[in-house]
Amino acid sequence: MKNQLKTLREDRGWTQGALADRLGVSRQTVNALETGRYDPALPLAFRIARLFGQPIESIFTPPEEQDVREF
């Protein structure tokens, strides 16, 4: 899933560690979120959205929906 987390963090002058502290997660989790290696659980996504004062969908962009085939 694509996201705007790195841009939002950098715009505020925060390090990954500072963001991690604000969210109650590890710096490695923030790094994995920013690089798209980890998709946040819904409670974490809500904390991120509240922290930045934006709706979840403005921060996280789901991948294009794949074709669903009926069997």
N, C-alpha and C. Protein backbone atom coordinates (compact mmCIF):
# COMPACT_ATOMS: atom_id res chain seq x y z
N MET A 1 0.85 -1.17 0.00
CA MET A 1 0.00 0.00 0.00
C MET A 1 0.90 1.24 0.00
N LYS A 2 0.58 2.16 -0.87
CA LYS A 2 1.34 3.41 -0.92
C LYS A 2 0.86 4.33 0.19
N ASN A 3 1.77 5.19 0.65
CA ASN A 3 1.37 6.13 1.69
C ASN A 3 2.21 7.40 1.64
N GLN A 4 1.74 8.42 2.34
CA GLN A 4 2.38 9.73 2.38
C GLN A 4 3.12 9.95 3.70
N LEU A 5 3.37 8.88 4.44
CA LEU A 5 3.92 8.99 5.78
C LEU A 5 5.27 9.70 5.82
N LYS A 6 6.17 9.33 4.95
CA LYS A 6 7.51 9.94 4.95
C LYS A 6 7.41 11.44 4.68
N THR A 7 6.62 11.83 3.71
CA THR A 7 6.46 13.24 3.38
C THR A 7 5.86 14.01 4.56
N LEU A 8 4.83 13.46 5.17
CA LEU A 8 4.20 14.11 6.31
C LEU A 8 5.19 14.26 7.47
N ARG A 9 5.95 13.21 7.72
CA ARG A 9 6.95 13.23 8.80
C ARG A 9 8.03 14.28 8.52
N GLU A 10 8.56 14.25 7.31
CA GLU A 10 9.64 15.19 6.96
C GLU A 10 9.15 16.63 6.97
N ASP A 11 7.91 16.87 6.56
CA ASP A 11 7.35 18.23 6.57
C ASP A 11 7.34 18.82 7.98
N ARG A 12 7.26 17.95 8.97
CA ARG A 12 7.25 18.40 10.37
C ARG A 12 8.64 18.39 11.00
N GLY A 13 9.63 17.93 10.24
CA GLY A 13 11.00 17.90 10.75
C GLY A 13 11.24 16.80 11.76
N TRP A 14 10.41 15.75 11.73
CA TRP A 14 10.54 14.65 12.68
C TRP A 14 11.44 13.56 12.10
N THR A 15 12.18 12.91 12.96
CA THR A 15 12.93 11.72 12.57
C THR A 15 11.97 10.53 12.63
N GLN A 16 12.41 9.40 12.09
CA GLN A 16 11.60 8.20 12.21
C GLN A 16 11.42 7.83 13.68
N GLY A 17 12.47 8.02 14.47
CA GLY A 17 12.39 7.71 15.90
C GLY A 17 11.39 8.60 16.62
N ALA A 18 11.36 9.88 16.26
CA ALA A 18 10.42 10.81 16.89
C ALA A 18 8.98 10.44 16.55
N LEU A 19 8.74 10.07 15.29
CA LEU A 19 7.40 9.64 14.89
C LEU A 19 7.03 8.35 15.61
N ALA A 20 7.97 7.43 15.69
CA ALA A 20 7.73 6.17 16.38
C ALA A 20 7.31 6.41 17.83
N ASP A 21 8.00 7.31 18.50
CA ASP A 21 7.66 7.64 19.89
C ASP A 21 6.24 8.19 19.99
N ARG A 22 5.87 9.06 19.07
CA ARG A 22 4.53 9.64 19.09
C ARG A 22 3.44 8.60 18.85
N LEU A 23 3.78 7.57 18.06
CA LEU A 23 2.80 6.54 17.72
C LEU A 23 2.84 5.34 18.66
N GLY A 24 3.89 5.24 19.47
CA GLY A 24 4.02 4.09 20.36
C GLY A 24 4.45 2.82 19.65
N VAL A 25 5.27 2.98 18.59
CA VAL A 25 5.79 1.84 17.84
C VAL A 25 7.31 1.98 17.75
N SER A 26 7.97 1.00 17.17
CA SER A 26 9.42 1.07 17.00
C SER A 26 9.79 1.90 15.76
N ARG A 27 11.02 2.36 15.73
CA ARG A 27 11.52 3.07 14.55
C ARG A 27 11.50 2.14 13.34
N GLN A 28 11.77 0.86 13.57
CA GLN A 28 11.76 -0.11 12.47
C GLN A 28 10.36 -0.23 11.87
N THR A 29 9.33 -0.12 12.70
CA THR A 29 7.96 -0.16 12.19
C THR A 29 7.68 1.05 11.31
N VAL A 30 8.13 2.22 11.75
CA VAL A 30 7.95 3.43 10.93
C VAL A 30 8.67 3.27 9.60
N ASN A 31 9.88 2.75 9.63
CA ASN A 31 10.64 2.53 8.39
C ASN A 31 9.90 1.57 7.48
N ALA A 32 9.38 0.48 8.03
CA ALA A 32 8.65 -0.51 7.22
C ALA A 32 7.37 0.09 6.64
N LEU A 33 6.70 0.95 7.40
CA LEU A 33 5.50 1.63 6.89
C LEU A 33 5.88 2.55 5.73
N GLU A 34 6.92 3.34 5.92
CA GLU A 34 7.31 4.32 4.89
C GLU A 34 7.75 3.66 3.60
N THR A 35 8.38 2.49 3.70
CA THR A 35 8.88 1.82 2.50
C THR A 35 7.86 0.86 1.90
N GLY A 36 6.68 0.76 2.52
CA GLY A 36 5.63 -0.08 1.99
C GLY A 36 5.80 -1.56 2.28
N ARG A 37 6.72 -1.91 3.18
CA ARG A 37 6.91 -3.31 3.53
C ARG A 37 5.93 -3.77 4.59
N TYR A 38 5.20 -2.84 5.18
CA TYR A 38 4.25 -3.18 6.25
C TYR A 38 3.03 -2.29 6.11
N ASP A 39 1.85 -2.90 6.12
CA ASP A 39 0.60 -2.15 6.12
C ASP A 39 0.08 -2.10 7.55
N PRO A 40 -0.28 -0.92 8.02
CA PRO A 40 -0.69 -0.82 9.42
C PRO A 40 -2.05 -1.46 9.68
N ALA A 41 -2.19 -1.98 10.90
CA ALA A 41 -3.50 -2.43 11.34
C ALA A 41 -4.38 -1.19 11.49
N LEU A 42 -5.67 -1.37 11.48
CA LEU A 42 -6.60 -0.25 11.52
C LEU A 42 -6.38 0.68 12.73
N PRO A 43 -6.17 0.15 13.94
CA PRO A 43 -5.94 1.07 15.07
C PRO A 43 -4.71 1.96 14.86
N LEU A 44 -3.63 1.41 14.30
CA LEU A 44 -2.44 2.21 14.04
C LEU A 44 -2.71 3.23 12.94
N ALA A 45 -3.43 2.83 11.91
CA ALA A 45 -3.77 3.77 10.83
C ALA A 45 -4.57 4.94 11.38
N PHE A 46 -5.50 4.67 12.30
CA PHE A 46 -6.27 5.76 12.92
C PHE A 46 -5.37 6.67 13.76
N ARG A 47 -4.42 6.09 14.50
CA ARG A 47 -3.49 6.93 15.29
C ARG A 47 -2.67 7.83 14.39
N ILE A 48 -2.22 7.28 13.27
CA ILE A 48 -1.43 8.07 12.31
C ILE A 48 -2.28 9.21 11.77
N ALA A 49 -3.49 8.89 11.36
CA ALA A 49 -4.39 9.91 10.80
C ALA A 49 -4.67 11.01 11.81
N ARG A 50 -4.94 10.64 13.06
CA ARG A 50 -5.20 11.65 14.10
C ARG A 50 -3.97 12.51 14.35
N LEU A 51 -2.80 11.88 14.40
CA LEU A 51 -1.56 12.62 14.65
C LEU A 51 -1.33 13.70 13.59
N PHE A 52 -1.60 13.36 12.35
CA PHE A 52 -1.38 14.32 11.26
C PHE A 52 -2.61 15.14 10.92
N GLY A 53 -3.73 14.87 11.58
CA GLY A 53 -4.94 15.65 11.36
C GLY A 53 -5.52 15.49 9.97
N GLN A 54 -5.42 14.28 9.44
CA GLN A 54 -5.92 14.02 8.09
C GLN A 54 -6.72 12.73 8.08
N PRO A 55 -7.63 12.58 7.11
CA PRO A 55 -8.34 11.31 6.99
C PRO A 55 -7.37 10.19 6.54
N ILE A 56 -7.67 8.99 6.95
CA ILE A 56 -6.82 7.85 6.60
C ILE A 56 -6.59 7.77 5.10
N GLU A 57 -7.65 7.96 4.33
CA GLU A 57 -7.53 7.79 2.88
C GLU A 57 -6.66 8.85 2.21
N SER A 58 -6.37 9.95 2.91
CA SER A 58 -5.45 10.93 2.33
C SER A 58 -3.99 10.57 2.63
N ILE A 59 -3.78 9.65 3.55
CA ILE A 59 -2.43 9.21 3.90
C ILE A 59 -2.09 7.89 3.21
N PHE A 60 -3.03 6.97 3.21
CA PHE A 60 -2.81 5.64 2.65
C PHE A 60 -3.64 5.44 1.39
N THR A 61 -3.01 4.91 0.35
CA THR A 61 -3.67 4.65 -0.92
C THR A 61 -3.60 3.15 -1.19
N PRO A 62 -4.75 2.47 -1.20
CA PRO A 62 -4.71 1.03 -1.46
C PRO A 62 -4.29 0.76 -2.91
N PRO A 63 -3.72 -0.42 -3.14
CA PRO A 63 -3.34 -0.76 -4.52
C PRO A 63 -4.59 -0.84 -5.39
N GLU A 64 -4.37 -0.75 -6.67
CA GLU A 64 -5.48 -0.86 -7.61
C GLU A 64 -6.23 -2.15 -7.33
N GLU A 65 -7.54 -2.09 -7.37
CA GLU A 65 -8.32 -3.30 -7.13
C GLU A 65 -8.07 -4.28 -8.26
N GLN A 66 -7.84 -5.53 -7.87
CA GLN A 66 -7.61 -6.55 -8.85
C GLN A 66 -8.94 -7.06 -9.37
N ASP A 67 -8.89 -7.61 -10.56
CA ASP A 67 -10.10 -8.19 -11.14
C ASP A 67 -10.59 -9.33 -10.25
N VAL A 68 -11.86 -9.34 -10.00
CA VAL A 68 -12.45 -10.41 -9.22
C VAL A 68 -13.19 -11.31 -10.19
N ARG A 69 -12.81 -12.56 -10.20
CA ARG A 69 -13.44 -13.51 -11.12
C ARG A 69 -14.37 -14.40 -10.34
N GLU A 70 -15.51 -14.64 -10.92
CA GLU A 70 -16.46 -15.55 -10.31
C GLU A 70 -16.13 -16.97 -10.71
N PHE A 71 -16.27 -17.86 -9.76
CA PHE A 71 -15.99 -19.26 -10.05
C PHE A 71 -17.25 -20.05 -10.05
